[in-house]
Amino acid sequence: MWVNFLEYWNGVRIFFDCRVSNPHDLRLFTDASGSLAYGGFLDGLWLQGQWLPEHTLNKKRGISIEC
């Protein structure tokens, strides 16, 4: 995943503070299923979505969230 990310990253970042923050300070929590969907919580707001076919990194393994 990181090799693909670094190769195609457009340089845009959403976190402007270089200080590393604790997830509890940000109130940011995420989780994902390797084949079904993903979700998150940020400061009282929820997000969720399903993986799309174009998210597949490897045709044999499918969508991988661990590599």
N, C-alpha and C. Protein backbone atom coordinates (compact mmCIF):
# COMPACT_ATOMS: atom_id res chain seq x y z
N MET A 1 0.83 -1.18 0.00
CA MET A 1 0.00 0.00 0.00
C MET A 1 0.88 1.25 0.00
N TRP A 2 1.89 1.29 0.86
CA TRP A 2 2.73 2.50 0.95
C TRP A 2 3.50 2.74 -0.34
N VAL A 3 3.94 1.70 -1.03
CA VAL A 3 4.65 1.88 -2.30
C VAL A 3 3.72 2.55 -3.30
N ASN A 4 2.48 2.07 -3.41
CA ASN A 4 1.50 2.70 -4.31
C ASN A 4 1.21 4.12 -3.88
N PHE A 5 1.00 4.32 -2.59
CA PHE A 5 0.68 5.66 -2.10
C PHE A 5 1.78 6.65 -2.44
N LEU A 6 3.02 6.30 -2.12
CA LEU A 6 4.12 7.23 -2.35
C LEU A 6 4.35 7.49 -3.83
N GLU A 7 4.12 6.48 -4.67
CA GLU A 7 4.30 6.65 -6.11
C GLU A 7 3.27 7.59 -6.72
N TYR A 8 2.03 7.55 -6.21
CA TYR A 8 0.94 8.32 -6.82
C TYR A 8 0.44 9.48 -5.98
N TRP A 9 1.05 9.73 -4.83
CA TRP A 9 0.59 10.81 -3.94
C TRP A 9 0.68 12.15 -4.65
N ASN A 10 -0.37 12.94 -4.55
CA ASN A 10 -0.41 14.24 -5.24
C ASN A 10 0.18 15.37 -4.41
N GLY A 11 0.70 15.08 -3.23
CA GLY A 11 1.35 16.09 -2.40
C GLY A 11 0.41 16.84 -1.48
N VAL A 12 -0.89 16.60 -1.58
CA VAL A 12 -1.86 17.29 -0.74
C VAL A 12 -1.95 16.58 0.60
N ARG A 13 -1.91 17.34 1.68
CA ARG A 13 -2.06 16.77 3.01
C ARG A 13 -3.17 17.50 3.73
N ILE A 14 -3.83 16.80 4.65
CA ILE A 14 -4.94 17.43 5.36
C ILE A 14 -4.56 17.82 6.78
N PHE A 15 -3.43 17.31 7.29
CA PHE A 15 -2.98 17.68 8.62
C PHE A 15 -1.83 18.66 8.48
N PHE A 16 -2.02 19.87 8.94
CA PHE A 16 -1.03 20.91 8.76
C PHE A 16 -0.06 21.02 9.94
N ASP A 17 -0.43 20.50 11.08
CA ASP A 17 0.41 20.55 12.27
C ASP A 17 1.41 19.41 12.21
N CYS A 18 2.70 19.70 12.32
CA CYS A 18 3.73 18.67 12.26
C CYS A 18 3.85 17.90 13.57
N ARG A 19 3.22 18.38 14.62
CA ARG A 19 3.27 17.70 15.91
C ARG A 19 2.40 16.45 15.84
N VAL A 20 2.93 15.34 16.34
CA VAL A 20 2.17 14.09 16.39
C VAL A 20 1.15 14.20 17.51
N SER A 21 -0.10 13.92 17.20
CA SER A 21 -1.18 14.05 18.17
C SER A 21 -1.68 12.68 18.59
N ASN A 22 -2.15 12.61 19.79
CA ASN A 22 -2.78 11.42 20.32
C ASN A 22 -4.18 11.30 19.71
N PRO A 23 -4.62 10.08 19.29
CA PRO A 23 -5.96 9.94 18.72
C PRO A 23 -7.06 10.46 19.64
N HIS A 24 -6.86 10.35 20.95
CA HIS A 24 -7.88 10.85 21.87
C HIS A 24 -7.95 12.38 21.86
N ASP A 25 -6.79 13.04 21.61
CA ASP A 25 -6.80 14.50 21.48
C ASP A 25 -7.57 14.93 20.24
N LEU A 26 -7.38 14.21 19.15
CA LEU A 26 -8.08 14.52 17.90
C LEU A 26 -9.51 14.02 17.89
N ARG A 27 -9.78 13.04 18.75
CA ARG A 27 -11.06 12.33 18.74
C ARG A 27 -11.28 11.70 17.37
N LEU A 28 -10.19 11.07 16.86
CA LEU A 28 -10.20 10.41 15.56
C LEU A 28 -9.98 8.92 15.75
N PHE A 29 -10.90 8.12 15.26
CA PHE A 29 -10.81 6.67 15.36
C PHE A 29 -11.28 6.07 14.04
N THR A 30 -10.57 5.06 13.53
CA THR A 30 -10.93 4.42 12.27
C THR A 30 -10.80 2.91 12.39
N ASP A 31 -11.49 2.21 11.51
CA ASP A 31 -11.35 0.77 11.41
C ASP A 31 -11.82 0.35 10.02
N ALA A 32 -11.36 -0.82 9.59
CA ALA A 32 -11.72 -1.29 8.25
C ALA A 32 -11.74 -2.80 8.22
N SER A 33 -12.56 -3.30 7.34
CA SER A 33 -12.59 -4.72 7.02
C SER A 33 -11.89 -4.88 5.68
N GLY A 34 -11.06 -5.88 5.55
CA GLY A 34 -10.31 -6.05 4.31
C GLY A 34 -11.15 -6.32 3.08
N SER A 35 -12.38 -6.76 3.25
CA SER A 35 -13.19 -7.08 2.08
C SER A 35 -14.54 -6.37 2.03
N LEU A 36 -14.96 -5.77 3.12
CA LEU A 36 -16.31 -5.21 3.15
C LEU A 36 -16.36 -3.69 3.09
N ALA A 37 -15.88 -3.03 4.13
CA ALA A 37 -16.08 -1.59 4.22
C ALA A 37 -15.10 -0.97 5.21
N TYR A 38 -15.25 0.33 5.41
CA TYR A 38 -14.42 1.06 6.36
C TYR A 38 -15.30 2.09 7.07
N GLY A 39 -14.81 2.60 8.17
CA GLY A 39 -15.57 3.60 8.91
C GLY A 39 -14.67 4.40 9.81
N GLY A 40 -15.18 5.50 10.30
CA GLY A 40 -14.40 6.34 11.18
C GLY A 40 -15.28 7.29 11.97
N PHE A 41 -14.67 7.88 12.97
CA PHE A 41 -15.33 8.84 13.85
C PHE A 41 -14.35 9.97 14.08
N LEU A 42 -14.74 11.21 13.82
CA LEU A 42 -13.90 12.37 14.02
C LEU A 42 -14.70 13.45 14.72
N ASP A 43 -14.36 13.70 15.97
CA ASP A 43 -14.94 14.79 16.75
C ASP A 43 -16.47 14.85 16.66
N GLY A 44 -17.10 13.71 16.86
CA GLY A 44 -18.57 13.66 16.86
C GLY A 44 -19.21 13.35 15.53
N LEU A 45 -18.41 13.24 14.47
CA LEU A 45 -18.94 12.95 13.13
C LEU A 45 -18.51 11.56 12.70
N TRP A 46 -19.42 10.82 12.09
CA TRP A 46 -19.16 9.47 11.61
C TRP A 46 -18.96 9.47 10.10
N LEU A 47 -18.15 8.54 9.61
CA LEU A 47 -18.02 8.31 8.17
C LEU A 47 -18.01 6.81 7.94
N GLN A 48 -18.44 6.39 6.77
CA GLN A 48 -18.40 4.98 6.40
C GLN A 48 -18.44 4.89 4.89
N GLY A 49 -17.94 3.79 4.39
CA GLY A 49 -17.97 3.57 2.96
C GLY A 49 -17.64 2.13 2.63
N GLN A 50 -17.90 1.75 1.40
CA GLN A 50 -17.58 0.41 0.93
C GLN A 50 -16.41 0.49 -0.03
N TRP A 51 -15.56 -0.55 0.00
CA TRP A 51 -14.44 -0.61 -0.92
C TRP A 51 -14.97 -0.74 -2.35
N LEU A 52 -14.36 -0.03 -3.25
CA LEU A 52 -14.71 -0.10 -4.67
C LEU A 52 -13.72 -1.01 -5.40
N PRO A 53 -14.10 -1.57 -6.54
CA PRO A 53 -13.18 -2.46 -7.27
C PRO A 53 -11.82 -1.82 -7.56
N GLU A 54 -11.78 -0.52 -7.78
CA GLU A 54 -10.50 0.14 -8.08
C GLU A 54 -9.58 0.26 -6.86
N HIS A 55 -10.08 -0.05 -5.67
CA HIS A 55 -9.24 -0.06 -4.48
C HIS A 55 -8.40 -1.34 -4.37
N THR A 56 -8.67 -2.32 -5.24
CA THR A 56 -7.94 -3.59 -5.22
C THR A 56 -6.48 -3.34 -5.58
N LEU A 57 -5.57 -3.76 -4.69
CA LEU A 57 -4.15 -3.59 -4.92
C LEU A 57 -3.53 -4.80 -5.59
N ASN A 58 -4.14 -5.97 -5.42
CA ASN A 58 -3.58 -7.21 -5.91
C ASN A 58 -4.74 -8.12 -6.33
N LYS A 59 -4.76 -8.54 -7.59
CA LYS A 59 -5.89 -9.33 -8.09
C LYS A 59 -6.03 -10.66 -7.37
N LYS A 60 -4.93 -11.25 -6.92
CA LYS A 60 -4.99 -12.54 -6.25
C LYS A 60 -5.50 -12.38 -4.81
N ARG A 61 -5.01 -11.37 -4.08
CA ARG A 61 -5.37 -11.17 -2.69
C ARG A 61 -6.57 -10.26 -2.51
N GLY A 62 -6.91 -9.48 -3.52
CA GLY A 62 -8.02 -8.54 -3.39
C GLY A 62 -7.59 -7.27 -2.68
N ILE A 63 -8.50 -6.67 -1.96
CA ILE A 63 -8.22 -5.45 -1.22
C ILE A 63 -7.44 -5.83 0.03
N SER A 64 -6.32 -5.18 0.25
CA SER A 64 -5.49 -5.49 1.41
C SER A 64 -5.35 -4.24 2.27
N ILE A 65 -5.66 -4.37 3.56
CA ILE A 65 -5.50 -3.24 4.46
C ILE A 65 -4.25 -3.40 5.34
N GLU A 66 -3.54 -4.53 5.18
CA GLU A 66 -2.38 -4.74 6.02
C GLU A 66 -1.06 -4.55 5.30
N CYS A 67 -1.05 -4.42 3.98
CA CYS A 67 0.23 -4.24 3.28
C CYS A 67 0.11 -3.25 2.14
